[in-house]
Amino acid sequence: MIDLSGARTKLDRAQQQLLALGHALMAFVEREPYQLVERIEPHPDSELADYVYAVGSLRPTRPEYSAHIGEILHNFRSALDYLVYAAATRHSWTTQFPIFHHASDWTRKSGPMLRAVPQRYVRIAEEVQPYHLRNPHAHLLAKLNYLSNTDKHRLLTTTATALSEMAPTFLPERDVAAIHDVVFNVGVLEEGMELARLVLEPSGPHPAVTMSGVFRIAITFRDPYPSGREIDGQSVMHVLFDIGRYLEWLYDRFLEA
């Protein structure tokens, strides 16, 4: 049996860092990184009015979150390389876990990466290549590779994003005969962005509404480049958790081979 203690250490450390990152992101969200600005917009052609909740005083996510994410990605990617390095009967600086989007790249490039690695481990590495998917970029190893390579050159960008789940409810508080409709907006939070627009039937000069609950906010990746399409807008914690879980499964496959 090969010694995978190095990969195990890297995965354990990444999971510890992921837990700490989760606490930090949760604390940021719970402090509500924006203020709700309320305004009334009368309908010029009817007795109805819109009651709008908008984003104000938006605080950006902290840059150290990106550094923290980079450390997790480094340990994830290192754990993959440690797997094939431990399996190799002779070691080389070219030994690494290959990640390819095209089968032709495997044929042309994987040889030096997996030199002296027994075939049972090579088969595992080939079976999990992103090019087996219709959309290779959606593969978790492809996401890991993209995020890890990007982090080597620049900080990964994160942002607060409004989600559709667990939206608040609204009740008339004063001078409101009825609430006829509620429209929620989701997506990346920006200064002045409307989170909700209510259609009211005012019953007095100063209509007011009480909001019960909160808008669900998550910290997501923000990547406008075409190559980052698969991670743009995705929850940071969900992406990293899914990658970590996949690597744990892959670790077990190497351990059992």
C-alpha atoms as a PDB file:
ATOM      1  CA  MET A   1       0.000   0.000   0.000  1.00  0.00           C
ATOM      2  CA  ILE A   2       1.333   3.435  -0.905  1.00  0.00           C
ATOM      3  CA  ASP A   3       1.896   6.130   1.706  1.00  0.00           C
ATOM      4  CA  LEU A   4      -0.725   8.843   1.203  1.00  0.00           C
ATOM      5  CA  SER A   5      -0.063  10.633   4.470  1.00  0.00           C
ATOM      6  CA  GLY A   6       1.113  13.761   2.639  1.00  0.00           C
ATOM      7  CA  ALA A   7      -2.104  14.033   0.644  1.00  0.00           C
ATOM      8  CA  ARG A   8      -4.099  13.293   3.806  1.00  0.00           C
ATOM      9  CA  THR A   9      -2.345  16.141   5.643  1.00  0.00           C
ATOM     10  CA  LYS A  10      -3.040  18.571   2.802  1.00  0.00           C
ATOM     11  CA  LEU A  11      -6.729  17.622   2.644  1.00  0.00           C
ATOM     12  CA  ASP A  12      -7.142  17.878   6.407  1.00  0.00           C
ATOM     13  CA  ARG A  13      -5.514  21.310   6.435  1.00  0.00           C
ATOM     14  CA  ALA A  14      -7.730  22.487   3.580  1.00  0.00           C
ATOM     15  CA  GLN A  15     -10.837  21.356   5.462  1.00  0.00           C
ATOM     16  CA  GLN A  16      -9.711  23.255   8.569  1.00  0.00           C
ATOM     17  CA  GLN A  17      -9.145  26.377   6.467  1.00  0.00           C
ATOM     18  CA  LEU A  18     -12.517  25.917   4.778  1.00  0.00           C
ATOM     19  CA  LEU A  19     -14.253  25.787   8.146  1.00  0.00           C
ATOM     20  CA  ALA A  20     -12.510  28.999   9.244  1.00  0.00           C
ATOM     21  CA  LEU A  21     -13.433  30.700   5.965  1.00  0.00           C
ATOM     22  CA  GLY A  22     -17.054  29.685   6.429  1.00  0.00           C
ATOM     23  CA  HIS A  23     -17.142  31.322   9.854  1.00  0.00           C
ATOM     24  CA  ALA A  24     -15.581  34.510   8.451  1.00  0.00           C
ATOM     25  CA  LEU A  25     -17.999  34.756   5.531  1.00  0.00           C
ATOM     26  CA  MET A  26     -20.985  34.032   7.775  1.00  0.00           C
ATOM     27  CA  ALA A  27     -19.923  36.804  10.155  1.00  0.00           C
ATOM     28  CA  PHE A  28     -19.611  39.231   7.235  1.00  0.00           C
ATOM     29  CA  VAL A  29     -23.098  38.384   5.957  1.00  0.00           C
ATOM     30  CA  GLU A  30     -24.683  38.502   9.425  1.00  0.00           C
ATOM     31  CA  ARG A  31     -23.351  42.041   9.875  1.00  0.00           C
ATOM     32  CA  GLU A  32     -25.414  42.928   6.777  1.00  0.00           C
ATOM     33  CA  PRO A  33     -22.918  44.523   4.377  1.00  0.00           C
ATOM     34  CA  TYR A  34     -25.461  47.130   3.226  1.00  0.00           C
ATOM     35  CA  GLN A  35     -28.317  49.298   4.430  1.00  0.00           C
ATOM     36  CA  LEU A  36     -31.883  49.058   3.168  1.00  0.00           C
ATOM     37  CA  VAL A  37     -33.103  52.297   1.615  1.00  0.00           C
ATOM     38  CA  GLU A  38     -36.892  52.601   1.357  1.00  0.00           C
ATOM     39  CA  ARG A  39     -38.700  54.945  -1.006  1.00  0.00           C
ATOM     40  CA  ILE A  40     -42.196  55.440  -2.420  1.00  0.00           C
ATOM     41  CA  GLU A  41     -42.885  55.991  -6.115  1.00  0.00           C
ATOM     42  CA  PRO A  42     -46.524  56.990  -6.879  1.00  0.00           C
ATOM     43  CA  HIS A  43     -48.067  55.712 -10.110  1.00  0.00           C
ATOM     44  CA  PRO A  44     -48.875  58.786 -12.237  1.00  0.00           C
ATOM     45  CA  ASP A  45     -51.859  57.105 -13.930  1.00  0.00           C
ATOM     46  CA  SER A  46     -53.491  55.378 -10.940  1.00  0.00           C
ATOM     47  CA  GLU A  47     -53.980  55.500  -7.167  1.00  0.00           C
ATOM     48  CA  LEU A  48     -51.376  52.804  -6.634  1.00  0.00           C
ATOM     49  CA  ALA A  49     -47.759  53.311  -5.620  1.00  0.00           C
ATOM     50  CA  ASP A  50     -44.520  51.310  -5.599  1.00  0.00           C
ATOM     51  CA  TYR A  51     -42.713  50.764  -2.305  1.00  0.00           C
ATOM     52  CA  VAL A  52     -39.061  50.057  -3.092  1.00  0.00           C
ATOM     53  CA  TYR A  53     -36.323  48.458  -0.978  1.00  0.00           C
ATOM     54  CA  ALA A  54     -32.888  49.305  -2.416  1.00  0.00           C
ATOM     55  CA  VAL A  55     -29.245  48.702  -1.474  1.00  0.00           C
ATOM     56  CA  GLY A  56     -27.372  51.570   0.146  1.00  0.00           C
ATOM     57  CA  SER A  57     -23.956  52.004   1.810  1.00  0.00           C
ATOM     58  CA  LEU A  58     -22.732  48.712   0.330  1.00  0.00           C
ATOM     59  CA  ARG A  59     -19.521  47.367   1.851  1.00  0.00           C
ATOM     60  CA  PRO A  60     -17.183  45.290  -0.374  1.00  0.00           C
ATOM     61  CA  THR A  61     -15.985  41.871   0.713  1.00  0.00           C
ATOM     62  CA  ARG A  62     -12.614  41.865   2.455  1.00  0.00           C
ATOM     63  CA  PRO A  63      -9.510  41.137   0.288  1.00  0.00           C
ATOM     64  CA  GLU A  64      -8.145  38.716   2.875  1.00  0.00           C
ATOM     65  CA  TYR A  65     -11.028  36.372   2.005  1.00  0.00           C
ATOM     66  CA  SER A  66      -9.442  35.941  -1.429  1.00  0.00           C
ATOM     67  CA  ALA A  67      -6.062  35.163   0.136  1.00  0.00           C
ATOM     68  CA  HIS A  68      -7.754  32.614   2.403  1.00  0.00           C
ATOM     69  CA  ILE A  69      -9.480  31.003  -0.592  1.00  0.00           C
ATOM     70  CA  GLY A  70      -6.134  30.815  -2.388  1.00  0.00           C
ATOM     71  CA  GLU A  71      -4.573  28.927   0.512  1.00  0.00           C
ATOM     72  CA  ILE A  72      -7.387  26.373   0.423  1.00  0.00           C
ATOM     73  CA  LEU A  73      -7.033  25.939  -3.340  1.00  0.00           C
ATOM     74  CA  HIS A  74      -3.273  25.490  -2.997  1.00  0.00           C
ATOM     75  CA  ASN A  75      -3.754  22.664  -0.514  1.00  0.00           C
ATOM     76  CA  PHE A  76      -6.441  21.043  -2.662  1.00  0.00           C
ATOM     77  CA  ARG A  77      -4.245  21.142  -5.769  1.00  0.00           C
ATOM     78  CA  SER A  78      -1.183  19.968  -3.842  1.00  0.00           C
ATOM     79  CA  ALA A  79      -3.158  17.011  -2.473  1.00  0.00           C
ATOM     80  CA  LEU A  80      -3.847  15.887  -6.054  1.00  0.00           C
ATOM     81  CA  ASP A  81      -0.168  16.073  -6.987  1.00  0.00           C
ATOM     82  CA  TYR A  82       0.774  14.264  -3.778  1.00  0.00           C
ATOM     83  CA  LEU A  83      -1.455  11.342  -4.798  1.00  0.00           C
ATOM     84  CA  VAL A  84       0.423  10.577  -8.020  1.00  0.00           C
ATOM     85  CA  TYR A  85       3.807  11.448  -6.496  1.00  0.00           C
ATOM     86  CA  ALA A  86       3.188   8.891  -3.737  1.00  0.00           C
ATOM     87  CA  ALA A  87       2.103   6.304  -6.297  1.00  0.00           C
ATOM     88  CA  ALA A  88       5.166   6.766  -8.533  1.00  0.00           C
ATOM     89  CA  THR A  89       7.947   4.182  -8.224  1.00  0.00           C
ATOM     90  CA  ARG A  90      10.478   6.823  -9.335  1.00  0.00           C
ATOM     91  CA  HIS A  91      10.076  10.509  -8.604  1.00  0.00           C
ATOM     92  CA  SER A  92      10.509  13.453 -10.939  1.00  0.00           C
ATOM     93  CA  TRP A  93       9.822  17.187 -10.815  1.00  0.00           C
ATOM     94  CA  THR A  94       7.415  16.651 -13.726  1.00  0.00           C
ATOM     95  CA  THR A  95       5.260  14.256 -11.689  1.00  0.00           C
ATOM     96  CA  GLN A  96       1.847  15.804 -11.147  1.00  0.00           C
ATOM     97  CA  PHE A  97      -1.849  15.057 -11.412  1.00  0.00           C
ATOM     98  CA  PRO A  98      -2.930  15.964 -14.962  1.00  0.00           C
ATOM     99  CA  ILE A  99      -6.153  17.889 -15.587  1.00  0.00           C
ATOM    100  CA  PHE A 100      -7.194  18.187 -19.237  1.00  0.00           C
ATOM    101  CA  HIS A 101     -10.240  19.459 -21.115  1.00  0.00           C
ATOM    102  CA  HIS A 102      -9.392  17.525 -24.295  1.00  0.00           C
ATOM    103  CA  ALA A 103      -8.585  13.838 -24.738  1.00  0.00           C
ATOM    104  CA  SER A 104      -5.864  14.776 -27.227  1.00  0.00           C
ATOM    105  CA  ASP A 105      -4.018  16.652 -24.471  1.00  0.00           C
ATOM    106  CA  TRP A 106      -4.011  13.520 -22.344  1.00  0.00           C
ATOM    107  CA  THR A 107      -2.428  11.569 -25.199  1.00  0.00           C
ATOM    108  CA  ARG A 108       0.214  14.220 -25.885  1.00  0.00           C
ATOM    109  CA  LYS A 109       1.034  15.548 -22.423  1.00  0.00           C
ATOM    110  CA  SER A 110       0.221  13.071 -19.641  1.00  0.00           C
ATOM    111  CA  GLY A 111       3.227  10.800 -20.173  1.00  0.00           C
ATOM    112  CA  PRO A 112       5.886  12.911 -18.363  1.00  0.00           C
ATOM    113  CA  MET A 113       3.400  13.742 -15.603  1.00  0.00           C
ATOM    114  CA  LEU A 114       2.685  10.096 -14.843  1.00  0.00           C
ATOM    115  CA  ARG A 115       6.043   8.514 -15.645  1.00  0.00           C
ATOM    116  CA  ALA A 116       6.721   5.549 -13.332  1.00  0.00           C
ATOM    117  CA  VAL A 117       3.154   5.676 -11.946  1.00  0.00           C
ATOM    118  CA  PRO A 118       1.617   2.157 -11.966  1.00  0.00           C
ATOM    119  CA  GLN A 119      -1.188   1.655 -14.466  1.00  0.00           C
ATOM    120  CA  ARG A 120      -3.895   1.114 -11.834  1.00  0.00           C
ATOM    121  CA  TYR A 121      -3.366   4.693 -10.649  1.00  0.00           C
ATOM    122  CA  VAL A 122      -3.027   6.053 -14.176  1.00  0.00           C
ATOM    123  CA  ARG A 123      -6.432   4.558 -14.984  1.00  0.00           C
ATOM    124  CA  ILE A 124      -7.996   6.347 -12.023  1.00  0.00           C
ATOM    125  CA  ALA A 125      -6.480   9.660 -13.122  1.00  0.00           C
ATOM    126  CA  GLU A 126      -7.731   9.175 -16.684  1.00  0.00           C
ATOM    127  CA  GLU A 127     -11.244   8.185 -15.623  1.00  0.00           C
ATOM    128  CA  VAL A 128     -11.747  11.462 -13.751  1.00  0.00           C
ATOM    129  CA  GLN A 129     -10.552  13.799 -16.508  1.00  0.00           C
ATOM    130  CA  PRO A 130     -12.873  16.722 -17.325  1.00  0.00           C
ATOM    131  CA  TYR A 131     -12.924  15.838 -21.032  1.00  0.00           C
ATOM    132  CA  HIS A 132     -15.274  12.948 -20.267  1.00  0.00           C
ATOM    133  CA  LEU A 133     -18.048  15.491 -19.627  1.00  0.00           C
ATOM    134  CA  ARG A 134     -20.011  17.194 -22.401  1.00  0.00           C
ATOM    135  CA  ASN A 135     -19.002  20.476 -20.757  1.00  0.00           C
ATOM    136  CA  PRO A 136     -15.482  19.890 -19.385  1.00  0.00           C
ATOM    137  CA  HIS A 137     -15.408  23.321 -17.704  1.00  0.00           C
ATOM    138  CA  ALA A 138     -18.222  22.207 -15.362  1.00  0.00           C
ATOM    139  CA  HIS A 139     -16.113  19.366 -13.938  1.00  0.00           C
ATOM    140  CA  LEU A 140     -14.982  19.961 -10.362  1.00  0.00           C
ATOM    141  CA  LEU A 141     -11.351  19.273 -11.256  1.00  0.00           C
ATOM    142  CA  ALA A 142     -11.601  21.843 -14.056  1.00  0.00           C
ATOM    143  CA  LYS A 143     -12.988  24.381 -11.599  1.00  0.00           C
ATOM    144  CA  LEU A 144     -10.163  23.606  -9.171  1.00  0.00           C
ATOM    145  CA  ASN A 145      -7.587  23.970 -11.928  1.00  0.00           C
ATOM    146  CA  TYR A 146      -9.022  27.278 -13.124  1.00  0.00           C
ATOM    147  CA  LEU A 147      -9.319  28.770  -9.652  1.00  0.00           C
ATOM    148  CA  SER A 148      -5.869  27.558  -8.596  1.00  0.00           C
ATOM    149  CA  ASN A 149      -4.163  28.888 -11.734  1.00  0.00           C
ATOM    150  CA  THR A 150      -6.012  32.202 -11.489  1.00  0.00           C
ATOM    151  CA  ASP A 151      -4.984  32.609  -7.854  1.00  0.00           C
ATOM    152  CA  LYS A 152      -1.336  32.304  -8.893  1.00  0.00           C
ATOM    153  CA  HIS A 153      -1.655  35.523 -10.901  1.00  0.00           C
ATOM    154  CA  ARG A 154      -4.283  37.652  -9.143  1.00  0.00           C
ATOM    155  CA  LEU A 155      -6.613  37.678  -6.178  1.00  0.00           C
ATOM    156  CA  LEU A 156      -9.878  35.895  -6.834  1.00  0.00           C
ATOM    157  CA  THR A 157     -12.780  38.331  -6.750  1.00  0.00           C
ATOM    158  CA  THR A 158     -15.685  37.743  -4.375  1.00  0.00           C
ATOM    159  CA  THR A 159     -18.886  39.692  -3.877  1.00  0.00           C
ATOM    160  CA  ALA A 160     -22.167  39.631  -1.962  1.00  0.00           C
ATOM    161  CA  THR A 161     -25.085  38.235  -3.956  1.00  0.00           C
ATOM    162  CA  ALA A 162     -28.800  38.268  -3.194  1.00  0.00           C
ATOM    163  CA  LEU A 163     -30.421  34.835  -3.422  1.00  0.00           C
ATOM    164  CA  SER A 164     -34.015  33.864  -4.047  1.00  0.00           C
ATOM    165  CA  GLU A 165     -34.386  31.489  -1.099  1.00  0.00           C
ATOM    166  CA  MET A 166     -35.914  32.623   2.204  1.00  0.00           C
ATOM    167  CA  ALA A 167     -37.157  35.999   0.951  1.00  0.00           C
ATOM    168  CA  PRO A 168     -38.793  38.235   3.567  1.00  0.00           C
ATOM    169  CA  THR A 169     -42.525  38.885   3.815  1.00  0.00           C
ATOM    170  CA  PHE A 170     -44.199  42.286   4.016  1.00  0.00           C
ATOM    171  CA  LEU A 171     -47.172  43.556   6.037  1.00  0.00           C
ATOM    172  CA  PRO A 172     -48.974  46.910   5.948  1.00  0.00           C
ATOM    173  CA  GLU A 173     -47.882  49.125   8.815  1.00  0.00           C
ATOM    174  CA  ARG A 174     -49.545  52.481   8.172  1.00  0.00           C
ATOM    175  CA  ASP A 175     -51.703  54.074   5.465  1.00  0.00           C
ATOM    176  CA  VAL A 176     -51.712  50.909   3.330  1.00  0.00           C
ATOM    177  CA  ALA A 177     -55.047  49.389   2.257  1.00  0.00           C
ATOM    178  CA  ALA A 178     -53.443  46.424   0.450  1.00  0.00           C
ATOM    179  CA  ILE A 179     -50.244  45.022  -0.999  1.00  0.00           C
ATOM    180  CA  HIS A 180     -51.061  43.799  -4.500  1.00  0.00           C
ATOM    181  CA  ASP A 181     -47.734  42.461  -5.758  1.00  0.00           C
ATOM    182  CA  VAL A 182     -44.112  41.865  -4.713  1.00  0.00           C
ATOM    183  CA  VAL A 183     -41.200  41.479  -7.136  1.00  0.00           C
ATOM    184  CA  PHE A 184     -37.786  40.356  -5.851  1.00  0.00           C
ATOM    185  CA  ASN A 185     -34.451  40.882  -7.593  1.00  0.00           C
ATOM    186  CA  VAL A 186     -31.545  38.473  -7.223  1.00  0.00           C
ATOM    187  CA  GLY A 187     -27.929  38.778  -8.291  1.00  0.00           C
ATOM    188  CA  VAL A 188     -24.725  40.601  -7.409  1.00  0.00           C
ATOM    189  CA  LEU A 189     -25.355  43.427  -4.946  1.00  0.00           C
ATOM    190  CA  GLU A 190     -24.589  46.881  -6.314  1.00  0.00           C
ATOM    191  CA  GLU A 191     -25.117  50.326  -4.837  1.00  0.00           C
ATOM    192  CA  GLY A 192     -28.697  51.396  -5.554  1.00  0.00           C
ATOM    193  CA  MET A 193     -29.833  47.929  -6.675  1.00  0.00           C
ATOM    194  CA  GLU A 194     -33.504  47.213  -6.013  1.00  0.00           C
ATOM    195  CA  LEU A 195     -34.001  44.148  -3.814  1.00  0.00           C
ATOM    196  CA  ALA A 196     -37.785  44.315  -3.770  1.00  0.00           C
ATOM    197  CA  ARG A 197     -40.562  46.383  -5.335  1.00  0.00           C
ATOM    198  CA  LEU A 198     -44.060  46.243  -3.829  1.00  0.00           C
ATOM    199  CA  VAL A 199     -47.220  47.518  -5.481  1.00  0.00           C
ATOM    200  CA  LEU A 200     -49.348  49.206  -2.800  1.00  0.00           C
ATOM    201  CA  GLU A 201     -52.811  50.659  -2.538  1.00  0.00           C
ATOM    202  CA  PRO A 202     -52.275  53.631  -0.185  1.00  0.00           C
ATOM    203  CA  SER A 203     -55.017  54.567   2.278  1.00  0.00           C
ATOM    204  CA  GLY A 204     -53.345  57.709   3.592  1.00  0.00           C
ATOM    205  CA  PRO A 205     -50.573  60.235   2.921  1.00  0.00           C
ATOM    206  CA  HIS A 206     -47.673  58.349   4.526  1.00  0.00           C
ATOM    207  CA  PRO A 207     -47.782  54.643   3.603  1.00  0.00           C
ATOM    208  CA  ALA A 208     -45.337  52.391   5.426  1.00  0.00           C
ATOM    209  CA  VAL A 209     -44.606  48.664   5.302  1.00  0.00           C
ATOM    210  CA  THR A 210     -43.122  46.278   7.872  1.00  0.00           C
ATOM    211  CA  MET A 211     -40.640  43.686   6.610  1.00  0.00           C
ATOM    212  CA  SER A 212     -40.514  40.306   8.357  1.00  0.00           C
ATOM    213  CA  GLY A 213     -37.366  38.287   7.760  1.00  0.00           C
ATOM    214  CA  VAL A 214     -34.234  39.172   5.812  1.00  0.00           C
ATOM    215  CA  PHE A 215     -32.904  38.991   2.290  1.00  0.00           C
ATOM    216  CA  ARG A 216     -30.747  35.883   1.871  1.00  0.00           C
ATOM    217  CA  ILE A 217     -27.192  36.876   0.988  1.00  0.00           C
ATOM    218  CA  ALA A 218     -24.254  34.669  -0.003  1.00  0.00           C
ATOM    219  CA  ILE A 219     -20.638  35.394  -0.863  1.00  0.00           C
ATOM    220  CA  THR A 220     -20.010  34.343  -4.454  1.00  0.00           C
ATOM    221  CA  PHE A 221     -17.198  34.326  -6.968  1.00  0.00           C
ATOM    222  CA  ARG A 222     -17.181  37.229  -9.403  1.00  0.00           C
ATOM    223  CA  ASP A 223     -15.336  36.481 -12.651  1.00  0.00           C
ATOM    224  CA  PRO A 224     -16.318  38.374 -15.826  1.00  0.00           C
ATOM    225  CA  TYR A 225     -13.899  36.492 -18.083  1.00  0.00           C
ATOM    226  CA  PRO A 226     -15.321  33.851 -20.483  1.00  0.00           C
ATOM    227  CA  SER A 227     -13.068  31.185 -18.964  1.00  0.00           C
ATOM    228  CA  GLY A 228     -14.576  31.899 -15.546  1.00  0.00           C
ATOM    229  CA  ARG A 229     -18.170  31.415 -16.625  1.00  0.00           C
ATOM    230  CA  GLU A 230     -18.620  28.197 -14.643  1.00  0.00           C
ATOM    231  CA  ILE A 231     -17.701  29.794 -11.317  1.00  0.00           C
ATOM    232  CA  ASP A 232     -19.048  33.318 -11.806  1.00  0.00           C
ATOM    233  CA  GLY A 233     -21.933  33.891  -9.394  1.00  0.00           C
ATOM    234  CA  GLN A 234     -21.408  30.557  -7.641  1.00  0.00           C
ATOM    235  CA  SER A 235     -21.305  30.373  -3.858  1.00  0.00           C
ATOM    236  CA  VAL A 236     -17.694  30.334  -2.658  1.00  0.00           C
ATOM    237  CA  MET A 237     -18.470  27.848   0.095  1.00  0.00           C
ATOM    238  CA  HIS A 238     -20.508  25.518  -2.116  1.00  0.00           C
ATOM    239  CA  VAL A 239     -17.816  25.376  -4.807  1.00  0.00           C
ATOM    240  CA  LEU A 240     -14.992  24.736  -2.349  1.00  0.00           C
ATOM    241  CA  PHE A 241     -17.023  22.218  -0.351  1.00  0.00           C
ATOM    242  CA  ASP A 242     -17.921  20.264  -3.513  1.00  0.00           C
ATOM    243  CA  ILE A 243     -14.283  20.240  -4.658  1.00  0.00           C
ATOM    244  CA  GLY A 244     -13.155  19.047  -1.236  1.00  0.00           C
ATOM    245  CA  ARG A 245     -15.719  16.262  -1.182  1.00  0.00           C
ATOM    246  CA  TYR A 246     -14.655  15.135  -4.661  1.00  0.00           C
ATOM    247  CA  LEU A 247     -10.999  15.039  -3.644  1.00  0.00           C
ATOM    248  CA  GLU A 248     -11.874  12.950  -0.583  1.00  0.00           C
ATOM    249  CA  TRP A 249     -13.545  10.426  -2.914  1.00  0.00           C
ATOM    250  CA  LEU A 250     -10.518  10.437  -5.196  1.00  0.00           C
ATOM    251  CA  TYR A 251      -8.196   9.973  -2.232  1.00  0.00           C
ATOM    252  CA  ASP A 252     -10.190   6.893  -1.218  1.00  0.00           C
ATOM    253  CA  ARG A 253      -9.891   5.475  -4.739  1.00  0.00           C
ATOM    254  CA  PHE A 254      -6.098   5.786  -4.626  1.00  0.00           C
ATOM    255  CA  LEU A 255      -6.046   4.310  -1.147  1.00  0.00           C
ATOM    256  CA  GLU A 256      -8.059   1.266  -2.241  1.00  0.00           C
ATOM    257  CA  ALA A 257      -6.285   0.658  -5.602  1.00  0.00           C
END
